[in-house]
Amino acid sequence: MERIRRILVAGCISYSLCLELALAQGICQPSGSGTALGFNISPSMVVNSDAVLDSKMSDIGGTGPTAGERVFSFRRTISSILKSAGFPDDPPAQERFVQTMLDTFAPANGFALNPSAGMLMPLDGRGGENTKLNAADLLDETSPIGLVPLALFNRFDLAPTDWSHCGEHRIVYGKQNPGFPSRFLLIFEAAVDNPGTGEAGCRPVAEFWAGLSEVATDNRALTERLSAFYYDGKATSYGNTVDLSGPVVDYRNYGGDGVRGQVRGNLFMQEPWQLREWLTQPIFDPATPSPS
């Protein structure tokens, strides 16, 4: 499968756990140079090796119904977000969650309420090909429009000066065989909580990325370490494993705690090209039990 090797991401994601549309737009700076094996950071590190991104759960010892799915599958990421927020995690719940994002494409051009500002703001609706997307197909990596992982990014350069978090650690997804102009990209930009205090607190995260050079030629070990970091909150390097504050893929790290992280989308499926951003936001339906 051909993959997008260089990605310039730009941005605006939205989930009864919902991704709430943020009425904001902006542009991310180019990620800089990076390779899957050299791990040069200038200023970012990019892992875009097919051997890693196409690895299946069974390749790292996974069993059960998800054994045949990719380690960094879109479904696994959505599942982990739901679990971290205490919500039920099953295919129907995953589809409902993703659908809250797709629902934001439906409004016609007009105005929408910005709940943070308490005011109406202009909103460009998305019709056309965007309305043909559905959650079930996006979650199914065997579907012609299923989302698959394209790259993993380390963005230490986005850590704040007070080191309240350790920069952003991203997973980029894109439609399979999208052609042009029907490309659709989602970037999960997790801002990881500092497991300690100050710059020294982020040392285990920095050492994790640096330590990947130990296993750069061992695809299974490389995949296992990255999987444990993103989904289990474990940073292994130089013979030492550190438990972080939690997994990278956690609803709090995508705006769920109100202070950091987001999910961004690049929509090329209708002119003009549009950028969107959503934030994870728990919304409790009184008709359903609250998560424990």
C-alpha atoms as a PDB file:
ATOM      1  CA  MET A   1       0.000   0.000   0.000  1.00  0.00           C
ATOM      2  CA  GLU A   2       1.313   3.415  -0.884  1.00  0.00           C
ATOM      3  CA  ARG A   3       1.480   5.746   2.080  1.00  0.00           C
ATOM      4  CA  ILE A   4       1.628   9.464   2.430  1.00  0.00           C
ATOM      5  CA  ARG A   5       5.241  10.026   3.429  1.00  0.00           C
ATOM      6  CA  ARG A   6       5.141  13.719   4.116  1.00  0.00           C
ATOM      7  CA  ILE A   7       2.166  15.178   5.867  1.00  0.00           C
ATOM      8  CA  LEU A   8       1.503  18.855   6.458  1.00  0.00           C
ATOM      9  CA  VAL A   9      -1.330  18.856   8.941  1.00  0.00           C
ATOM     10  CA  ALA A  10      -3.540  21.802   9.621  1.00  0.00           C
ATOM     11  CA  GLY A  11      -6.379  22.572  11.681  1.00  0.00           C
ATOM     12  CA  CYS A  12     -10.273  21.951  13.315  1.00  0.00           C
ATOM     13  CA  ILE A  13     -12.555  16.832  16.290  1.00  0.00           C
ATOM     14  CA  SER A  14     -15.675  16.247  17.910  1.00  0.00           C
ATOM     15  CA  TYR A  15     -18.146  12.569  21.024  1.00  0.00           C
ATOM     16  CA  SER A  16     -22.686  10.697  24.963  1.00  0.00           C
ATOM     17  CA  LEU A  17     -18.876  10.517  25.094  1.00  0.00           C
ATOM     18  CA  CYS A  18     -18.807  12.995  22.226  1.00  0.00           C
ATOM     19  CA  LEU A  19     -16.203  14.918  20.294  1.00  0.00           C
ATOM     20  CA  GLU A  20     -17.520  18.449  20.582  1.00  0.00           C
ATOM     21  CA  LEU A  21     -16.874  20.649  17.596  1.00  0.00           C
ATOM     22  CA  ALA A  22     -14.502  23.469  18.390  1.00  0.00           C
ATOM     23  CA  LEU A  23     -15.248  26.474  16.232  1.00  0.00           C
ATOM     24  CA  ALA A  24     -11.672  27.288  15.576  1.00  0.00           C
ATOM     25  CA  GLN A  25      -9.222  26.960  12.758  1.00  0.00           C
ATOM     26  CA  GLY A  26      -5.479  27.191  12.594  1.00  0.00           C
ATOM     27  CA  ILE A  27      -2.481  25.753  10.844  1.00  0.00           C
ATOM     28  CA  CYS A  28       0.158  23.457  12.323  1.00  0.00           C
ATOM     29  CA  GLN A  29       3.706  24.058  11.294  1.00  0.00           C
ATOM     30  CA  PRO A  30       5.421  21.391   9.193  1.00  0.00           C
ATOM     31  CA  SER A  31       6.723  18.586  11.386  1.00  0.00           C
ATOM     32  CA  GLY A  32      10.283  18.798  10.173  1.00  0.00           C
ATOM     33  CA  SER A  33      12.404  15.951   8.894  1.00  0.00           C
ATOM     34  CA  GLY A  34      12.359  12.485  10.387  1.00  0.00           C
ATOM     35  CA  THR A  35      12.881   8.887   9.399  1.00  0.00           C
ATOM     36  CA  ALA A  36      11.574   5.622  10.740  1.00  0.00           C
ATOM     37  CA  LEU A  37      15.007   4.181  11.476  1.00  0.00           C
ATOM     38  CA  GLY A  38      17.326   7.115  12.100  1.00  0.00           C
ATOM     39  CA  PHE A  39      15.027   8.917  14.526  1.00  0.00           C
ATOM     40  CA  ASN A  40      16.393  12.325  13.765  1.00  0.00           C
ATOM     41  CA  ILE A  41      14.413  14.977  15.622  1.00  0.00           C
ATOM     42  CA  SER A  42      14.357  18.290  13.800  1.00  0.00           C
ATOM     43  CA  PRO A  43      12.247  19.276  15.694  1.00  0.00           C
ATOM     44  CA  SER A  44      10.036  16.187  15.527  1.00  0.00           C
ATOM     45  CA  MET A  45      10.398  12.451  15.259  1.00  0.00           C
ATOM     46  CA  VAL A  46       8.267  10.544  12.765  1.00  0.00           C
ATOM     47  CA  VAL A  47       7.703   6.796  12.647  1.00  0.00           C
ATOM     48  CA  ASN A  48       6.193   5.936   9.282  1.00  0.00           C
ATOM     49  CA  SER A  49       7.544   2.444   8.666  1.00  0.00           C
ATOM     50  CA  ASP A  50       5.037   0.129   6.996  1.00  0.00           C
ATOM     51  CA  ALA A  51       6.551  -2.747   8.970  1.00  0.00           C
ATOM     52  CA  VAL A  52       5.352  -1.048  12.167  1.00  0.00           C
ATOM     53  CA  LEU A  53       2.125   0.554  10.981  1.00  0.00           C
ATOM     54  CA  ASP A  54       0.896  -2.576   9.201  1.00  0.00           C
ATOM     55  CA  SER A  55       1.759  -4.888  12.132  1.00  0.00           C
ATOM     56  CA  LYS A  56      -1.212  -6.851  13.454  1.00  0.00           C
ATOM     57  CA  MET A  57      -2.048  -7.435  17.102  1.00  0.00           C
ATOM     58  CA  SER A  58      -1.225 -11.114  16.558  1.00  0.00           C
ATOM     59  CA  ASP A  59       2.322 -10.081  15.587  1.00  0.00           C
ATOM     60  CA  ILE A  60       2.921  -8.839  19.145  1.00  0.00           C
ATOM     61  CA  GLY A  61       1.113 -11.674  20.915  1.00  0.00           C
ATOM     62  CA  GLY A  62      -2.471 -10.428  20.679  1.00  0.00           C
ATOM     63  CA  THR A  63      -5.299 -12.956  20.651  1.00  0.00           C
ATOM     64  CA  GLY A  64      -9.075 -12.881  20.332  1.00  0.00           C
ATOM     65  CA  PRO A  65     -11.327 -10.993  17.915  1.00  0.00           C
ATOM     66  CA  THR A  66      -8.915  -8.066  17.451  1.00  0.00           C
ATOM     67  CA  ALA A  67      -5.833 -10.215  16.745  1.00  0.00           C
ATOM     68  CA  GLY A  68      -6.116  -9.570  13.011  1.00  0.00           C
ATOM     69  CA  GLU A  69      -6.384  -5.782  13.327  1.00  0.00           C
ATOM     70  CA  ARG A  70      -3.495  -3.365  13.072  1.00  0.00           C
ATOM     71  CA  VAL A  71      -1.749  -2.512  16.345  1.00  0.00           C
ATOM     72  CA  PHE A  72      -2.483   1.195  15.838  1.00  0.00           C
ATOM     73  CA  SER A  73      -5.910   0.712  14.262  1.00  0.00           C
ATOM     74  CA  PHE A  74      -8.455   3.512  14.330  1.00  0.00           C
ATOM     75  CA  ARG A  75     -10.818   1.178  16.200  1.00  0.00           C
ATOM     76  CA  ARG A  76      -8.251   0.530  18.930  1.00  0.00           C
ATOM     77  CA  THR A  77      -7.715   4.252  19.415  1.00  0.00           C
ATOM     78  CA  ILE A  78     -11.449   4.947  19.649  1.00  0.00           C
ATOM     79  CA  SER A  79     -11.837   1.979  22.021  1.00  0.00           C
ATOM     80  CA  SER A  80      -9.076   3.293  24.301  1.00  0.00           C
ATOM     81  CA  ILE A  81     -10.597   6.773  24.413  1.00  0.00           C
ATOM     82  CA  LEU A  82     -13.985   5.366  25.442  1.00  0.00           C
ATOM     83  CA  LYS A  83     -12.458   3.102  28.093  1.00  0.00           C
ATOM     84  CA  SER A  84     -10.411   5.932  29.598  1.00  0.00           C
ATOM     85  CA  ALA A  85     -13.591   7.977  30.064  1.00  0.00           C
ATOM     86  CA  GLY A  86     -15.440   5.086  31.714  1.00  0.00           C
ATOM     87  CA  PHE A  87     -17.884   4.595  28.874  1.00  0.00           C
ATOM     88  CA  PRO A  88     -19.062   1.253  27.470  1.00  0.00           C
ATOM     89  CA  ASP A  89     -16.738  -0.030  24.782  1.00  0.00           C
ATOM     90  CA  ASP A  90     -18.304  -2.163  22.072  1.00  0.00           C
ATOM     91  CA  PRO A  91     -18.733  -1.701  18.303  1.00  0.00           C
ATOM     92  CA  PRO A  92     -22.081   0.138  18.623  1.00  0.00           C
ATOM     93  CA  ALA A  93     -20.625   2.544  21.195  1.00  0.00           C
ATOM     94  CA  GLN A  94     -17.547   3.110  19.027  1.00  0.00           C
ATOM     95  CA  GLU A  95     -19.738   3.896  16.036  1.00  0.00           C
ATOM     96  CA  ARG A  96     -21.916   6.302  18.030  1.00  0.00           C
ATOM     97  CA  PHE A  97     -18.816   8.110  19.210  1.00  0.00           C
ATOM     98  CA  VAL A  98     -17.340   8.516  15.730  1.00  0.00           C
ATOM     99  CA  GLN A  99     -20.762   9.538  14.408  1.00  0.00           C
ATOM    100  CA  THR A 100     -20.743  12.605  16.682  1.00  0.00           C
ATOM    101  CA  MET A 101     -17.835  13.875  14.601  1.00  0.00           C
ATOM    102  CA  LEU A 102     -19.505  13.095  11.283  1.00  0.00           C
ATOM    103  CA  ASP A 103     -22.687  14.812  12.436  1.00  0.00           C
ATOM    104  CA  THR A 104     -20.805  18.105  12.450  1.00  0.00           C
ATOM    105  CA  PHE A 105     -20.582  17.926   8.643  1.00  0.00           C
ATOM    106  CA  ALA A 106     -24.342  18.033   8.242  1.00  0.00           C
ATOM    107  CA  PRO A 107     -25.294  21.667   9.026  1.00  0.00           C
ATOM    108  CA  ALA A 108     -25.687  23.954   6.061  1.00  0.00           C
ATOM    109  CA  ASN A 109     -23.735  27.164   5.922  1.00  0.00           C
ATOM    110  CA  GLY A 110     -24.883  29.422   8.694  1.00  0.00           C
ATOM    111  CA  PHE A 111     -24.126  29.935  12.375  1.00  0.00           C
ATOM    112  CA  ALA A 112     -23.465  27.652  15.324  1.00  0.00           C
ATOM    113  CA  LEU A 113     -23.208  28.347  19.037  1.00  0.00           C
ATOM    114  CA  ASN A 114     -19.725  28.513  20.483  1.00  0.00           C
ATOM    115  CA  PRO A 115     -20.426  27.305  24.059  1.00  0.00           C
ATOM    116  CA  SER A 116     -17.157  28.690  25.412  1.00  0.00           C
ATOM    117  CA  ALA A 117     -17.804  32.208  24.150  1.00  0.00           C
ATOM    118  CA  GLY A 118     -21.588  32.057  24.459  1.00  0.00           C
ATOM    119  CA  MET A 119     -22.050  33.526  21.018  1.00  0.00           C
ATOM    120  CA  LEU A 120     -23.008  32.484  17.507  1.00  0.00           C
ATOM    121  CA  MET A 121     -20.152  32.115  15.060  1.00  0.00           C
ATOM    122  CA  PRO A 122     -20.160  31.555  11.285  1.00  0.00           C
ATOM    123  CA  LEU A 123     -19.783  27.933  10.248  1.00  0.00           C
ATOM    124  CA  ASP A 124     -19.091  26.499   6.803  1.00  0.00           C
ATOM    125  CA  GLY A 125     -21.114  23.344   6.322  1.00  0.00           C
ATOM    126  CA  ARG A 126     -19.689  20.295   4.591  1.00  0.00           C
ATOM    127  CA  GLY A 127     -21.859  18.420   2.168  1.00  0.00           C
ATOM    128  CA  GLY A 128     -21.107  16.364  -0.899  1.00  0.00           C
ATOM    129  CA  GLU A 129     -18.703  13.474  -0.408  1.00  0.00           C
ATOM    130  CA  ASN A 130     -18.383  14.189   3.323  1.00  0.00           C
ATOM    131  CA  THR A 131     -21.977  13.135   3.891  1.00  0.00           C
ATOM    132  CA  LYS A 132     -21.197   9.709   2.399  1.00  0.00           C
ATOM    133  CA  LEU A 133     -18.789   8.877   5.237  1.00  0.00           C
ATOM    134  CA  ASN A 134     -20.150   6.559   7.899  1.00  0.00           C
ATOM    135  CA  ALA A 135     -18.706   5.508  11.230  1.00  0.00           C
ATOM    136  CA  ALA A 136     -18.911   1.754  10.667  1.00  0.00           C
ATOM    137  CA  ASP A 137     -16.833   1.927   7.482  1.00  0.00           C
ATOM    138  CA  LEU A 138     -14.252   4.311   8.930  1.00  0.00           C
ATOM    139  CA  LEU A 139     -13.716   1.902  11.847  1.00  0.00           C
ATOM    140  CA  ASP A 140     -13.417  -1.096   9.528  1.00  0.00           C
ATOM    141  CA  GLU A 141      -9.877  -1.138   8.176  1.00  0.00           C
ATOM    142  CA  THR A 142     -10.911  -3.679   5.531  1.00  0.00           C
ATOM    143  CA  SER A 143     -13.419  -1.196   4.083  1.00  0.00           C
ATOM    144  CA  PRO A 144     -12.426   0.829   0.995  1.00  0.00           C
ATOM    145  CA  ILE A 145     -12.862   3.976   3.088  1.00  0.00           C
ATOM    146  CA  GLY A 146     -11.565   2.531   6.360  1.00  0.00           C
ATOM    147  CA  LEU A 147      -9.050   4.685   8.216  1.00  0.00           C
ATOM    148  CA  VAL A 148      -5.535   3.271   8.593  1.00  0.00           C
ATOM    149  CA  PRO A 149      -2.507   4.611  10.503  1.00  0.00           C
ATOM    150  CA  LEU A 150      -0.078   6.640   8.397  1.00  0.00           C
ATOM    151  CA  ALA A 151       2.463   7.890  10.936  1.00  0.00           C
ATOM    152  CA  LEU A 152       3.323   8.367  14.601  1.00  0.00           C
ATOM    153  CA  PHE A 153       4.709  11.753  15.626  1.00  0.00           C
ATOM    154  CA  ASN A 154       6.642  13.037  18.618  1.00  0.00           C
ATOM    155  CA  ARG A 155       6.220  16.817  18.997  1.00  0.00           C
ATOM    156  CA  PHE A 156       8.355  17.762  21.999  1.00  0.00           C
ATOM    157  CA  ASP A 157       8.636  21.252  20.566  1.00  0.00           C
ATOM    158  CA  LEU A 158       5.007  21.829  21.644  1.00  0.00           C
ATOM    159  CA  ALA A 159       5.712  21.329  25.342  1.00  0.00           C
ATOM    160  CA  PRO A 160       4.909  24.551  27.279  1.00  0.00           C
ATOM    161  CA  THR A 161       7.596  26.456  29.131  1.00  0.00           C
ATOM    162  CA  ASP A 162       6.194  25.329  32.503  1.00  0.00           C
ATOM    163  CA  TRP A 163       6.333  21.654  31.390  1.00  0.00           C
ATOM    164  CA  SER A 164       2.752  21.084  32.516  1.00  0.00           C
ATOM    165  CA  HIS A 165       2.670  18.492  29.745  1.00  0.00           C
ATOM    166  CA  CYS A 166       5.334  16.752  27.692  1.00  0.00           C
ATOM    167  CA  GLY A 167       4.429  17.917  24.210  1.00  0.00           C
ATOM    168  CA  GLU A 168       2.134  16.160  21.761  1.00  0.00           C
ATOM    169  CA  HIS A 169       2.359  12.552  20.650  1.00  0.00           C
ATOM    170  CA  ARG A 170       0.277  12.000  17.571  1.00  0.00           C
ATOM    171  CA  ILE A 171      -1.272   9.277  15.446  1.00  0.00           C
ATOM    172  CA  VAL A 172      -2.252  10.241  11.894  1.00  0.00           C
ATOM    173  CA  TYR A 173      -5.015   8.291  10.111  1.00  0.00           C
ATOM    174  CA  GLY A 174      -6.119   8.458   6.509  1.00  0.00           C
ATOM    175  CA  LYS A 175      -8.601   6.812   4.178  1.00  0.00           C
ATOM    176  CA  GLN A 176      -7.264   3.831   2.292  1.00  0.00           C
ATOM    177  CA  ASN A 177      -6.548   4.420  -1.410  1.00  0.00           C
ATOM    178  CA  PRO A 178      -8.225   7.825  -1.276  1.00  0.00           C
ATOM    179  CA  GLY A 179      -7.260   9.197  -4.648  1.00  0.00           C
ATOM    180  CA  PHE A 180      -7.589  12.917  -5.167  1.00  0.00           C
ATOM    181  CA  PRO A 181      -9.494  14.964  -4.148  1.00  0.00           C
ATOM    182  CA  SER A 182     -11.257  12.544  -1.752  1.00  0.00           C
ATOM    183  CA  ARG A 183      -8.541  12.455   0.900  1.00  0.00           C
ATOM    184  CA  PHE A 184      -9.659  12.489   4.532  1.00  0.00           C
ATOM    185  CA  LEU A 185      -7.137  12.717   7.373  1.00  0.00           C
ATOM    186  CA  LEU A 186      -7.603  12.630  11.152  1.00  0.00           C
ATOM    187  CA  ILE A 187      -4.742  13.529  13.489  1.00  0.00           C
ATOM    188  CA  PHE A 188      -5.051  12.482  17.143  1.00  0.00           C
ATOM    189  CA  GLU A 189      -2.821  15.012  18.907  1.00  0.00           C
ATOM    190  CA  ALA A 190      -2.466  13.827  22.499  1.00  0.00           C
ATOM    191  CA  ALA A 191      -0.804  16.274  24.875  1.00  0.00           C
ATOM    192  CA  VAL A 192       0.654  13.912  27.478  1.00  0.00           C
ATOM    193  CA  ASP A 193       0.511  14.878  31.143  1.00  0.00           C
ATOM    194  CA  ASN A 194       3.850  15.392  32.885  1.00  0.00           C
ATOM    195  CA  PRO A 195       4.307  12.308  35.100  1.00  0.00           C
ATOM    196  CA  GLY A 196       6.580  14.287  37.418  1.00  0.00           C
ATOM    197  CA  THR A 197       7.542  17.916  37.981  1.00  0.00           C
ATOM    198  CA  GLY A 198       9.147  20.395  35.622  1.00  0.00           C
ATOM    199  CA  GLU A 199      11.497  19.490  32.816  1.00  0.00           C
ATOM    200  CA  ALA A 200      12.877  16.509  34.766  1.00  0.00           C
ATOM    201  CA  GLY A 201       9.380  15.049  34.984  1.00  0.00           C
ATOM    202  CA  CYS A 202       9.270  14.630  31.220  1.00  0.00           C
ATOM    203  CA  ARG A 203      12.614  12.830  31.126  1.00  0.00           C
ATOM    204  CA  PRO A 204      11.060   9.312  30.898  1.00  0.00           C
ATOM    205  CA  VAL A 205       9.074  10.409  27.845  1.00  0.00           C
ATOM    206  CA  ALA A 206      12.156  11.901  26.207  1.00  0.00           C
ATOM    207  CA  GLU A 207      14.206   8.807  27.006  1.00  0.00           C
ATOM    208  CA  PHE A 208      11.491   6.572  25.586  1.00  0.00           C
ATOM    209  CA  TRP A 209      11.741   8.185  22.153  1.00  0.00           C
ATOM    210  CA  ALA A 210      15.537   8.295  22.275  1.00  0.00           C
ATOM    211  CA  GLY A 211      15.619   4.660  23.370  1.00  0.00           C
ATOM    212  CA  LEU A 212      13.759   3.495  20.279  1.00  0.00           C
ATOM    213  CA  SER A 213      17.143   3.533  18.546  1.00  0.00           C
ATOM    214  CA  GLU A 214      17.952   0.395  20.570  1.00  0.00           C
ATOM    215  CA  VAL A 215      15.341  -1.568  18.635  1.00  0.00           C
ATOM    216  CA  ALA A 216      15.271   0.373  15.369  1.00  0.00           C
ATOM    217  CA  THR A 217      15.976  -2.746  13.304  1.00  0.00           C
ATOM    218  CA  ASP A 218      13.689  -5.066  15.302  1.00  0.00           C
ATOM    219  CA  ASN A 219      10.208  -4.372  13.988  1.00  0.00           C
ATOM    220  CA  ARG A 220       8.415  -6.457  16.613  1.00  0.00           C
ATOM    221  CA  ALA A 221      10.259  -4.849  19.550  1.00  0.00           C
ATOM    222  CA  LEU A 222       9.761  -1.403  18.057  1.00  0.00           C
ATOM    223  CA  THR A 223       6.038  -2.018  17.599  1.00  0.00           C
ATOM    224  CA  GLU A 224       5.693  -3.443  21.123  1.00  0.00           C
ATOM    225  CA  ARG A 225       7.337  -0.413  22.706  1.00  0.00           C
ATOM    226  CA  LEU A 226       5.260   2.065  20.745  1.00  0.00           C
ATOM    227  CA  SER A 227       2.063   0.120  21.474  1.00  0.00           C
ATOM    228  CA  ALA A 228       2.809   0.050  25.219  1.00  0.00           C
ATOM    229  CA  PHE A 229       3.550   3.789  25.187  1.00  0.00           C
ATOM    230  CA  TYR A 230       0.413   4.846  23.321  1.00  0.00           C
ATOM    231  CA  TYR A 231      -2.110   2.400  24.793  1.00  0.00           C
ATOM    232  CA  ASP A 232      -0.697   1.286  28.176  1.00  0.00           C
ATOM    233  CA  GLY A 233       1.212   4.347  29.392  1.00  0.00           C
ATOM    234  CA  LYS A 234       4.520   2.486  29.723  1.00  0.00           C
ATOM    235  CA  ALA A 235       7.779   4.019  28.555  1.00  0.00           C
ATOM    236  CA  THR A 236      10.591   1.504  28.036  1.00  0.00           C
ATOM    237  CA  SER A 237      14.165   2.529  27.296  1.00  0.00           C
ATOM    238  CA  TYR A 238      17.647   1.341  28.157  1.00  0.00           C
ATOM    239  CA  GLY A 239      16.393  -1.678  30.100  1.00  0.00           C
ATOM    240  CA  ASN A 240      14.009   0.351  32.254  1.00  0.00           C
ATOM    241  CA  THR A 241      10.205   0.662  32.090  1.00  0.00           C
ATOM    242  CA  VAL A 242       8.455   3.670  33.652  1.00  0.00           C
ATOM    243  CA  ASP A 243       4.705   3.963  34.231  1.00  0.00           C
ATOM    244  CA  LEU A 244       3.470   7.311  32.976  1.00  0.00           C
ATOM    245  CA  SER A 245       0.403   9.150  34.301  1.00  0.00           C
ATOM    246  CA  GLY A 246      -1.690   7.058  31.919  1.00  0.00           C
ATOM    247  CA  PRO A 247      -1.841   5.996  28.279  1.00  0.00           C
ATOM    248  CA  VAL A 248      -1.145   8.518  25.563  1.00  0.00           C
ATOM    249  CA  VAL A 249      -4.496   7.576  24.009  1.00  0.00           C
ATOM    250  CA  ASP A 250      -6.733   8.892  26.783  1.00  0.00           C
ATOM    251  CA  TYR A 251      -9.753  11.171  26.412  1.00  0.00           C
ATOM    252  CA  ARG A 252      -8.171  13.710  28.786  1.00  0.00           C
ATOM    253  CA  ASN A 253      -5.288  14.189  26.357  1.00  0.00           C
ATOM    254  CA  TYR A 254      -7.557  15.351  23.517  1.00  0.00           C
ATOM    255  CA  GLY A 255      -9.094  18.311  25.314  1.00  0.00           C
ATOM    256  CA  GLY A 256     -11.122  16.193  27.747  1.00  0.00           C
ATOM    257  CA  ASP A 257      -9.688  18.011  30.761  1.00  0.00           C
ATOM    258  CA  GLY A 258     -10.047  21.381  29.085  1.00  0.00           C
ATOM    259  CA  VAL A 259      -6.376  22.341  29.022  1.00  0.00           C
ATOM    260  CA  ARG A 260      -4.569  20.405  26.315  1.00  0.00           C
ATOM    261  CA  GLY A 261      -4.685  18.280  23.197  1.00  0.00           C
ATOM    262  CA  GLN A 262      -7.132  17.983  20.319  1.00  0.00           C
ATOM    263  CA  VAL A 263      -8.066  15.978  17.238  1.00  0.00           C
ATOM    264  CA  ARG A 264      -7.736  17.676  13.895  1.00  0.00           C
ATOM    265  CA  GLY A 265      -9.036  16.839  10.468  1.00  0.00           C
ATOM    266  CA  ASN A 266      -8.046  17.689   6.925  1.00  0.00           C
ATOM    267  CA  LEU A 267     -11.054  17.482   4.606  1.00  0.00           C
ATOM    268  CA  PHE A 268     -10.203  17.307   0.906  1.00  0.00           C
ATOM    269  CA  MET A 269     -13.495  15.699  -0.126  1.00  0.00           C
ATOM    270  CA  GLN A 270     -15.138  18.893  -1.310  1.00  0.00           C
ATOM    271  CA  GLU A 271     -13.900  22.272  -2.426  1.00  0.00           C
ATOM    272  CA  PRO A 272     -12.673  24.294  -0.732  1.00  0.00           C
ATOM    273  CA  TRP A 273     -10.235  22.247   1.353  1.00  0.00           C
ATOM    274  CA  GLN A 274     -11.289  22.591   4.980  1.00  0.00           C
ATOM    275  CA  LEU A 275      -9.565  22.176   8.324  1.00  0.00           C
ATOM    276  CA  ARG A 276     -11.471  21.212  11.471  1.00  0.00           C
ATOM    277  CA  GLU A 277     -10.721  20.587  15.131  1.00  0.00           C
ATOM    278  CA  TRP A 278     -12.672  18.619  17.722  1.00  0.00           C
ATOM    279  CA  LEU A 279     -12.253  18.149  21.482  1.00  0.00           C
ATOM    280  CA  THR A 280     -13.284  15.144  23.538  1.00  0.00           C
ATOM    281  CA  GLN A 281     -16.129  16.106  25.827  1.00  0.00           C
ATOM    282  CA  PRO A 282     -18.153  13.738  28.047  1.00  0.00           C
ATOM    283  CA  ILE A 283     -21.865  14.478  27.722  1.00  0.00           C
ATOM    284  CA  PHE A 284     -24.029  12.374  29.969  1.00  0.00           C
ATOM    285  CA  ASP A 285     -27.422  11.359  28.651  1.00  0.00           C
ATOM    286  CA  PRO A 286     -29.865  11.165  31.606  1.00  0.00           C
ATOM    287  CA  ALA A 287     -31.544   8.251  29.837  1.00  0.00           C
ATOM    288  CA  THR A 288     -28.401   6.138  30.181  1.00  0.00           C
ATOM    289  CA  PRO A 289     -26.376   5.199  33.295  1.00  0.00           C
ATOM    290  CA  SER A 290     -23.451   7.450  34.094  1.00  0.00           C
ATOM    291  CA  PRO A 291     -20.023   5.780  33.894  1.00  0.00           C
ATOM    292  CA  SER A 292     -18.566   4.676  37.185  1.00  0.00           C
END
